Amino acid sequence: LSFSFSDKKKLNNFIADLNRFLNLQLIDINSIYCNTFLIYRDLWFFDDNTDTNVKLNDFISVEKQFFMIYKQANITARNYYVFKNIIDLCQELIKILNQLREICTQKKISITLQKIDANIYSLNRIKIDLLNYKNVLVTENIVNILEKRYIKE
């Protein structure tokens, strides 16, 4: 793959595509986050409230990560830098889902276990998509091109 921008319109189109890509990932992650919280509430009665199980603070951490990504994405030319934060967000959700998975395994709740596995699979797919997209950007030196775009001419 090769990127070249002969004019501002093409560069702006690329940036718009990048924004759409990142927004789609965040929409998917938000849906998984909502599902995760529903699973958490469904399993709340089964949780023995030990330190190894999910706590509300885990969800607060996810909320803070969403907010940080939102703030970064609203800074001109910073969408490239949110890749790592979105991947970290996926990891945090996977951590929570694995804790919920333990409860399901212990209590033999197989339907919910399958939902959890599907969510973990989706988060890992999103991480792979983000890493692949980011690797193309790094390989093609798009970071420099994006930064030059916003230098006053």
N, C-alpha and C. Protein backbone atom coordinates (compact mmCIF):
# COMPACT_ATOMS: atom_id res chain seq x y z
N LEU A 1 0.83 -1.19 0.00
CA LEU A 1 0.00 0.00 0.00
C LEU A 1 0.86 1.24 0.00
N SER A 2 0.40 2.23 -0.71
CA SER A 2 1.13 3.47 -0.79
C SER A 2 0.16 4.64 -0.68
N PHE A 3 0.57 5.66 0.03
CA PHE A 3 -0.25 6.85 0.18
C PHE A 3 0.48 8.02 -0.42
N SER A 4 -0.20 8.78 -1.24
CA SER A 4 0.35 10.05 -1.68
C SER A 4 -0.80 11.02 -1.79
N PHE A 5 -0.55 12.23 -1.37
CA PHE A 5 -1.59 13.24 -1.38
C PHE A 5 -1.13 14.39 -2.25
N SER A 6 -1.73 14.49 -3.41
CA SER A 6 -1.33 15.55 -4.34
C SER A 6 -2.01 16.87 -4.00
N ASP A 7 -3.05 16.81 -3.22
CA ASP A 7 -3.71 18.06 -2.81
C ASP A 7 -4.39 17.89 -1.46
N LYS A 8 -4.86 18.99 -0.94
CA LYS A 8 -5.49 18.99 0.38
C LYS A 8 -6.77 18.17 0.41
N LYS A 9 -7.49 18.16 -0.69
CA LYS A 9 -8.74 17.40 -0.73
C LYS A 9 -8.49 15.91 -0.48
N LYS A 10 -7.46 15.38 -1.11
CA LYS A 10 -7.14 13.95 -0.92
C LYS A 10 -6.69 13.68 0.51
N LEU A 11 -5.90 14.59 1.05
CA LEU A 11 -5.46 14.43 2.44
C LEU A 11 -6.67 14.50 3.38
N ASN A 12 -7.55 15.45 3.14
CA ASN A 12 -8.75 15.57 3.98
C ASN A 12 -9.63 14.33 3.87
N ASN A 13 -9.72 13.76 2.68
CA ASN A 13 -10.47 12.52 2.50
C ASN A 13 -9.85 11.38 3.30
N PHE A 14 -8.52 11.32 3.29
CA PHE A 14 -7.83 10.29 4.07
C PHE A 14 -8.11 10.46 5.56
N ILE A 15 -8.03 11.70 6.04
CA ILE A 15 -8.28 11.97 7.45
C ILE A 15 -9.72 11.60 7.80
N ALA A 16 -10.66 11.91 6.90
CA ALA A 16 -12.06 11.56 7.14
C ALA A 16 -12.22 10.04 7.21
N ASP A 17 -11.53 9.30 6.34
CA ASP A 17 -11.58 7.83 6.39
C ASP A 17 -11.00 7.31 7.70
N LEU A 18 -9.89 7.89 8.13
CA LEU A 18 -9.28 7.50 9.39
C LEU A 18 -10.24 7.76 10.55
N ASN A 19 -10.89 8.92 10.55
CA ASN A 19 -11.86 9.24 11.60
C ASN A 19 -13.01 8.25 11.60
N ARG A 20 -13.52 7.92 10.41
CA ARG A 20 -14.62 6.95 10.32
C ARG A 20 -14.19 5.60 10.86
N PHE A 21 -12.98 5.17 10.50
CA PHE A 21 -12.46 3.89 10.98
C PHE A 21 -12.40 3.88 12.51
N LEU A 22 -11.83 4.92 13.10
CA LEU A 22 -11.71 4.98 14.55
C LEU A 22 -13.08 5.07 15.22
N ASN A 23 -13.98 5.84 14.63
CA ASN A 23 -15.32 5.94 15.19
C ASN A 23 -16.04 4.60 15.18
N LEU A 24 -15.91 3.85 14.09
CA LEU A 24 -16.55 2.53 14.02
C LEU A 24 -16.00 1.59 15.10
N GLN A 25 -14.69 1.67 15.34
CA GLN A 25 -14.09 0.83 16.38
C GLN A 25 -14.66 1.21 17.74
N LEU A 26 -14.76 2.51 17.99
CA LEU A 26 -15.28 2.97 19.28
C LEU A 26 -16.76 2.63 19.46
N ILE A 27 -17.52 2.68 18.38
CA ILE A 27 -18.93 2.28 18.46
C ILE A 27 -19.05 0.80 18.82
N ASP A 28 -18.23 -0.03 18.18
CA ASP A 28 -18.22 -1.46 18.50
C ASP A 28 -17.81 -1.70 19.96
N ILE A 29 -16.76 -1.01 20.38
CA ILE A 29 -16.28 -1.18 21.75
C ILE A 29 -17.33 -0.71 22.75
N ASN A 30 -18.01 0.39 22.45
CA ASN A 30 -19.05 0.88 23.34
C ASN A 30 -20.19 -0.14 23.47
N SER A 31 -20.56 -0.78 22.38
CA SER A 31 -21.59 -1.83 22.44
C SER A 31 -21.15 -2.99 23.31
N ILE A 32 -19.89 -3.38 23.15
CA ILE A 32 -19.35 -4.46 23.97
C ILE A 32 -19.30 -4.03 25.44
N TYR A 33 -18.96 -2.78 25.68
CA TYR A 33 -18.93 -2.26 27.04
C TYR A 33 -20.33 -2.32 27.68
N CYS A 34 -21.33 -1.91 26.91
CA CYS A 34 -22.72 -1.98 27.41
C CYS A 34 -23.10 -3.43 27.73
N ASN A 35 -22.75 -4.35 26.82
CA ASN A 35 -23.03 -5.78 27.04
C ASN A 35 -22.29 -6.29 28.27
N THR A 36 -21.07 -5.84 28.44
CA THR A 36 -20.26 -6.27 29.58
C THR A 36 -20.90 -5.82 30.89
N PHE A 37 -21.38 -4.59 30.91
CA PHE A 37 -22.01 -4.11 32.14
C PHE A 37 -23.30 -4.88 32.43
N LEU A 38 -24.06 -5.21 31.38
CA LEU A 38 -25.27 -6.02 31.58
C LEU A 38 -24.93 -7.40 32.13
N ILE A 39 -23.89 -8.00 31.58
CA ILE A 39 -23.46 -9.31 32.08
C ILE A 39 -23.02 -9.19 33.54
N TYR A 40 -22.27 -8.13 33.84
CA TYR A 40 -21.83 -7.88 35.22
C TYR A 40 -23.03 -7.82 36.17
N ARG A 41 -24.05 -7.07 35.78
CA ARG A 41 -25.24 -6.93 36.64
C ARG A 41 -25.98 -8.26 36.76
N ASP A 42 -26.05 -9.03 35.66
CA ASP A 42 -26.71 -10.34 35.72
C ASP A 42 -25.97 -11.29 36.66
N LEU A 43 -24.65 -11.19 36.67
CA LEU A 43 -23.83 -12.09 37.48
C LEU A 43 -23.58 -11.56 38.90
N TRP A 44 -24.02 -10.35 39.15
CA TRP A 44 -23.76 -9.72 40.44
C TRP A 44 -24.20 -10.60 41.60
N PHE A 45 -25.32 -11.28 41.46
CA PHE A 45 -25.83 -12.14 42.53
C PHE A 45 -24.97 -13.38 42.74
N PHE A 46 -24.22 -13.75 41.72
CA PHE A 46 -23.36 -14.93 41.82
C PHE A 46 -21.96 -14.59 42.32
N ASP A 47 -21.61 -13.33 42.26
CA ASP A 47 -20.28 -12.89 42.64
C ASP A 47 -20.15 -12.95 44.16
N ASP A 48 -19.08 -13.59 44.61
CA ASP A 48 -18.88 -13.70 46.07
C ASP A 48 -18.16 -12.49 46.66
N ASN A 49 -17.97 -11.46 45.80
CA ASN A 49 -17.36 -10.19 46.23
C ASN A 49 -15.95 -10.33 46.79
N THR A 50 -15.21 -11.27 46.27
CA THR A 50 -13.80 -11.37 46.66
C THR A 50 -13.00 -10.38 45.83
N ASP A 51 -11.77 -10.17 46.22
CA ASP A 51 -10.92 -9.21 45.52
C ASP A 51 -10.60 -9.62 44.08
N THR A 52 -10.77 -10.87 43.74
CA THR A 52 -10.44 -11.33 42.39
C THR A 52 -11.56 -11.07 41.39
N ASN A 53 -12.73 -10.70 41.86
CA ASN A 53 -13.86 -10.50 40.96
C ASN A 53 -14.05 -9.04 40.58
N VAL A 54 -14.91 -8.84 39.63
CA VAL A 54 -15.13 -7.52 39.06
C VAL A 54 -15.71 -6.56 40.10
N LYS A 55 -15.19 -5.36 40.07
CA LYS A 55 -15.68 -4.30 40.95
C LYS A 55 -16.15 -3.13 40.09
N LEU A 56 -16.97 -2.31 40.66
CA LEU A 56 -17.47 -1.14 39.95
C LEU A 56 -16.33 -0.23 39.52
N ASN A 57 -15.26 -0.19 40.29
CA ASN A 57 -14.09 0.63 39.93
C ASN A 57 -13.50 0.22 38.58
N ASP A 58 -13.62 -1.06 38.21
CA ASP A 58 -13.14 -1.50 36.90
C ASP A 58 -13.91 -0.77 35.79
N PHE A 59 -15.19 -0.58 36.00
CA PHE A 59 -16.01 0.12 35.00
C PHE A 59 -15.72 1.62 35.00
N ILE A 60 -15.42 2.16 36.16
CA ILE A 60 -15.04 3.58 36.24
C ILE A 60 -13.75 3.80 35.45
N SER A 61 -12.83 2.87 35.55
CA SER A 61 -11.57 2.94 34.79
C SER A 61 -11.85 2.96 33.29
N VAL A 62 -12.78 2.13 32.84
CA VAL A 62 -13.15 2.10 31.43
C VAL A 62 -13.76 3.44 31.01
N GLU A 63 -14.63 3.98 31.85
CA GLU A 63 -15.25 5.29 31.57
C GLU A 63 -14.18 6.36 31.41
N LYS A 64 -13.18 6.36 32.28
CA LYS A 64 -12.09 7.34 32.19
C LYS A 64 -11.32 7.18 30.89
N GLN A 65 -11.10 5.93 30.47
CA GLN A 65 -10.39 5.71 29.21
C GLN A 65 -11.20 6.21 28.02
N PHE A 66 -12.50 5.96 28.02
CA PHE A 66 -13.36 6.49 26.96
C PHE A 66 -13.25 8.01 26.91
N PHE A 67 -13.31 8.65 28.06
CA PHE A 67 -13.25 10.11 28.11
C PHE A 67 -11.91 10.63 27.60
N MET A 68 -10.82 9.97 27.97
CA MET A 68 -9.49 10.38 27.51
C MET A 68 -9.38 10.27 25.99
N ILE A 69 -9.91 9.17 25.43
CA ILE A 69 -9.89 9.00 23.98
C ILE A 69 -10.72 10.09 23.31
N TYR A 70 -11.86 10.38 23.87
CA TYR A 70 -12.73 11.43 23.33
C TYR A 70 -12.00 12.77 23.32
N LYS A 71 -11.34 13.10 24.43
CA LYS A 71 -10.60 14.36 24.51
C LYS A 71 -9.48 14.40 23.48
N GLN A 72 -8.73 13.31 23.35
CA GLN A 72 -7.62 13.26 22.39
C GLN A 72 -8.11 13.40 20.97
N ALA A 73 -9.20 12.74 20.64
CA ALA A 73 -9.71 12.74 19.27
C ALA A 73 -10.20 14.12 18.86
N ASN A 74 -10.52 14.96 19.82
CA ASN A 74 -11.00 16.30 19.50
C ASN A 74 -9.89 17.32 19.36
N ILE A 75 -8.65 16.88 19.52
CA ILE A 75 -7.51 17.75 19.29
C ILE A 75 -7.06 17.53 17.85
N THR A 76 -6.90 18.59 17.11
CA THR A 76 -6.55 18.50 15.70
C THR A 76 -5.34 17.60 15.48
N ALA A 77 -5.46 16.69 14.53
CA ALA A 77 -4.38 15.79 14.09
C ALA A 77 -3.94 14.81 15.17
N ARG A 78 -4.77 14.52 16.14
CA ARG A 78 -4.38 13.61 17.20
C ARG A 78 -5.00 12.22 17.06
N ASN A 79 -5.86 12.00 16.09
CA ASN A 79 -6.51 10.70 15.98
C ASN A 79 -5.51 9.57 15.83
N TYR A 80 -4.39 9.83 15.20
CA TYR A 80 -3.37 8.79 15.06
C TYR A 80 -2.94 8.29 16.44
N TYR A 81 -2.86 9.19 17.39
CA TYR A 81 -2.33 8.86 18.71
C TYR A 81 -3.33 8.11 19.59
N VAL A 82 -4.59 8.05 19.19
CA VAL A 82 -5.57 7.35 20.02
C VAL A 82 -5.51 5.84 19.82
N PHE A 83 -4.78 5.38 18.80
CA PHE A 83 -4.72 3.93 18.55
C PHE A 83 -4.31 3.16 19.79
N LYS A 84 -3.23 3.58 20.44
CA LYS A 84 -2.75 2.88 21.63
C LYS A 84 -3.80 2.91 22.74
N ASN A 85 -4.44 4.06 22.91
CA ASN A 85 -5.44 4.17 23.97
C ASN A 85 -6.66 3.30 23.70
N ILE A 86 -7.05 3.17 22.45
CA ILE A 86 -8.18 2.30 22.14
C ILE A 86 -7.79 0.84 22.38
N ILE A 87 -6.57 0.47 22.03
CA ILE A 87 -6.10 -0.89 22.30
C ILE A 87 -6.06 -1.15 23.80
N ASP A 88 -5.59 -0.17 24.57
CA ASP A 88 -5.59 -0.29 26.04
C ASP A 88 -7.02 -0.46 26.57
N LEU A 89 -7.95 0.27 25.99
CA LEU A 89 -9.35 0.16 26.38
C LEU A 89 -9.87 -1.26 26.12
N CYS A 90 -9.52 -1.81 24.97
CA CYS A 90 -9.89 -3.20 24.66
C CYS A 90 -9.33 -4.15 25.71
N GLN A 91 -8.08 -3.94 26.07
CA GLN A 91 -7.43 -4.80 27.08
C GLN A 91 -8.14 -4.72 28.42
N GLU A 92 -8.54 -3.52 28.80
CA GLU A 92 -9.24 -3.34 30.08
C GLU A 92 -10.57 -4.09 30.07
N LEU A 93 -11.29 -3.99 28.96
CA LEU A 93 -12.56 -4.72 28.85
C LEU A 93 -12.35 -6.23 28.84
N ILE A 94 -11.29 -6.68 28.18
CA ILE A 94 -10.99 -8.12 28.16
C ILE A 94 -10.68 -8.60 29.59
N LYS A 95 -9.97 -7.76 30.35
CA LYS A 95 -9.67 -8.12 31.75
C LYS A 95 -10.97 -8.30 32.54
N ILE A 96 -11.89 -7.37 32.39
CA ILE A 96 -13.18 -7.46 33.08
C ILE A 96 -13.94 -8.70 32.62
N LEU A 97 -13.98 -8.91 31.32
CA LEU A 97 -14.71 -10.07 30.78
C LEU A 97 -14.11 -11.39 31.28
N ASN A 98 -12.79 -11.44 31.39
CA ASN A 98 -12.17 -12.66 31.91
C ASN A 98 -12.53 -12.90 33.37
N GLN A 99 -12.67 -11.83 34.13
CA GLN A 99 -13.11 -11.99 35.52
C GLN A 99 -14.55 -12.49 35.57
N LEU A 100 -15.40 -11.94 34.69
CA LEU A 100 -16.78 -12.42 34.62
C LEU A 100 -16.83 -13.87 34.13
N ARG A 101 -15.90 -14.19 33.26
CA ARG A 101 -15.80 -15.56 32.73
C ARG A 101 -15.52 -16.55 33.86
N GLU A 102 -14.67 -16.15 34.80
CA GLU A 102 -14.37 -17.01 35.95
C GLU A 102 -15.63 -17.32 36.74
N ILE A 103 -16.45 -16.30 36.96
CA ILE A 103 -17.70 -16.51 37.70
C ILE A 103 -18.59 -17.50 36.95
N CYS A 104 -18.71 -17.31 35.64
CA CYS A 104 -19.55 -18.22 34.83
C CYS A 104 -19.02 -19.64 34.85
N THR A 105 -17.71 -19.77 34.80
CA THR A 105 -17.11 -21.11 34.84
C THR A 105 -17.38 -21.78 36.18
N GLN A 106 -17.17 -21.05 37.26
CA GLN A 106 -17.41 -21.60 38.60
C GLN A 106 -18.87 -21.97 38.82
N LYS A 107 -19.76 -21.16 38.32
CA LYS A 107 -21.20 -21.37 38.54
C LYS A 107 -21.87 -22.16 37.41
N LYS A 108 -21.05 -22.53 36.40
CA LYS A 108 -21.54 -23.32 35.27
C LYS A 108 -22.70 -22.65 34.54
N ILE A 109 -22.49 -21.38 34.17
CA ILE A 109 -23.49 -20.60 33.43
C ILE A 109 -23.01 -20.52 31.97
N SER A 110 -23.35 -21.53 31.19
CA SER A 110 -22.74 -21.69 29.87
C SER A 110 -23.21 -20.67 28.83
N ILE A 111 -24.46 -20.27 28.85
CA ILE A 111 -24.94 -19.30 27.85
C ILE A 111 -24.21 -17.98 28.00
N THR A 112 -24.11 -17.50 29.23
CA THR A 112 -23.40 -16.24 29.48
C THR A 112 -21.92 -16.39 29.16
N LEU A 113 -21.37 -17.55 29.42
CA LEU A 113 -19.97 -17.83 29.09
C LEU A 113 -19.73 -17.67 27.59
N GLN A 114 -20.67 -18.14 26.79
CA GLN A 114 -20.54 -17.99 25.33
C GLN A 114 -20.64 -16.53 24.91
N LYS A 115 -21.50 -15.76 25.56
CA LYS A 115 -21.60 -14.33 25.26
C LYS A 115 -20.28 -13.62 25.60
N ILE A 116 -19.72 -13.99 26.73
CA ILE A 116 -18.45 -13.40 27.14
C ILE A 116 -17.36 -13.74 26.13
N ASP A 117 -17.28 -15.00 25.72
CA ASP A 117 -16.27 -15.41 24.74
C ASP A 117 -16.45 -14.66 23.42
N ALA A 118 -17.70 -14.44 23.01
CA ALA A 118 -17.96 -13.70 21.77
C ALA A 118 -17.48 -12.26 21.90
N ASN A 119 -17.70 -11.66 23.06
CA ASN A 119 -17.23 -10.29 23.28
C ASN A 119 -15.70 -10.20 23.30
N ILE A 120 -15.07 -11.16 23.94
CA ILE A 120 -13.60 -11.20 23.96
C ILE A 120 -13.06 -11.36 22.54
N TYR A 121 -13.67 -12.25 21.77
CA TYR A 121 -13.27 -12.45 20.37
C TYR A 121 -13.40 -11.13 19.59
N SER A 122 -14.50 -10.44 19.77
CA SER A 122 -14.72 -9.17 19.06
C SER A 122 -13.69 -8.12 19.45
N LEU A 123 -13.37 -8.03 20.72
CA LEU A 123 -12.35 -7.08 21.17
C LEU A 123 -10.98 -7.41 20.59
N ASN A 124 -10.64 -8.69 20.54
CA ASN A 124 -9.36 -9.09 19.95
C ASN A 124 -9.33 -8.78 18.45
N ARG A 125 -10.47 -8.94 17.78
CA ARG A 125 -10.55 -8.60 16.35
C ARG A 125 -10.34 -7.10 16.16
N ILE A 126 -10.96 -6.30 17.01
CA ILE A 126 -10.78 -4.85 16.93
C ILE A 126 -9.32 -4.48 17.15
N LYS A 127 -8.67 -5.09 18.13
CA LYS A 127 -7.24 -4.82 18.37
C LYS A 127 -6.40 -5.15 17.15
N ILE A 128 -6.68 -6.28 16.52
CA ILE A 128 -5.93 -6.66 15.31
C ILE A 128 -6.16 -5.65 14.20
N ASP A 129 -7.42 -5.25 14.00
CA ASP A 129 -7.73 -4.25 12.97
C ASP A 129 -6.99 -2.94 13.24
N LEU A 130 -6.97 -2.51 14.49
CA LEU A 130 -6.27 -1.28 14.85
C LEU A 130 -4.77 -1.40 14.61
N LEU A 131 -4.19 -2.51 15.03
CA LEU A 131 -2.76 -2.70 14.83
C LEU A 131 -2.40 -2.76 13.35
N ASN A 132 -3.21 -3.44 12.56
CA ASN A 132 -2.95 -3.51 11.12
C ASN A 132 -3.04 -2.14 10.47
N TYR A 133 -4.06 -1.39 10.81
CA TYR A 133 -4.24 -0.04 10.26
C TYR A 133 -3.08 0.85 10.68
N LYS A 134 -2.73 0.79 11.96
CA LYS A 134 -1.63 1.61 12.48
C LYS A 134 -0.31 1.24 11.81
N ASN A 135 -0.06 -0.05 11.61
CA ASN A 135 1.19 -0.47 10.96
C ASN A 135 1.30 0.08 9.55
N VAL A 136 0.19 0.13 8.84
CA VAL A 136 0.21 0.73 7.50
C VAL A 136 0.56 2.21 7.61
N LEU A 137 -0.02 2.90 8.58
CA LEU A 137 0.28 4.32 8.76
C LEU A 137 1.75 4.55 9.07
N VAL A 138 2.30 3.73 9.97
CA VAL A 138 3.71 3.87 10.34
C VAL A 138 4.60 3.56 9.15
N THR A 139 4.29 2.48 8.44
CA THR A 139 5.10 2.07 7.29
C THR A 139 5.12 3.16 6.23
N GLU A 140 4.01 3.79 6.03
CA GLU A 140 3.91 4.81 4.98
C GLU A 140 4.21 6.22 5.47
N ASN A 141 4.66 6.32 6.71
CA ASN A 141 5.06 7.60 7.28
C ASN A 141 3.92 8.63 7.26
N ILE A 142 2.72 8.15 7.48
CA ILE A 142 1.55 9.03 7.44
C ILE A 142 1.57 10.02 8.60
N VAL A 143 2.21 9.66 9.69
CA VAL A 143 2.25 10.57 10.84
C VAL A 143 2.83 11.92 10.42
N ASN A 144 3.95 11.89 9.72
CA ASN A 144 4.57 13.14 9.28
C ASN A 144 3.68 13.91 8.33
N ILE A 145 3.01 13.18 7.44
CA ILE A 145 2.12 13.83 6.48
C ILE A 145 0.97 14.50 7.22
N LEU A 146 0.39 13.80 8.21
CA LEU A 146 -0.72 14.37 8.98
C LEU A 146 -0.28 15.60 9.76
N GLU A 147 0.92 15.53 10.33
CA GLU A 147 1.40 16.66 11.11
C GLU A 147 1.69 17.86 10.22
N LYS A 148 2.25 17.63 9.05
CA LYS A 148 2.53 18.73 8.12
C LYS A 148 1.25 19.41 7.66
N ARG A 149 0.20 18.64 7.55
CA ARG A 149 -1.09 19.17 7.08
C ARG A 149 -1.57 20.31 7.97
N TYR A 150 -1.26 20.24 9.25
CA TYR A 150 -1.82 21.21 10.17
C TYR A 150 -0.86 22.33 10.54
N ILE A 151 0.28 22.38 9.86
CA ILE A 151 1.21 23.48 10.05
C ILE A 151 0.69 24.66 9.22
N LYS A 152 0.66 25.84 9.80
CA LYS A 152 0.17 27.02 9.08
C LYS A 152 1.00 27.23 7.82
N GLU A 153 0.28 27.47 6.74
CA GLU A 153 0.99 27.67 5.45
C GLU A 153 1.14 29.13 5.15
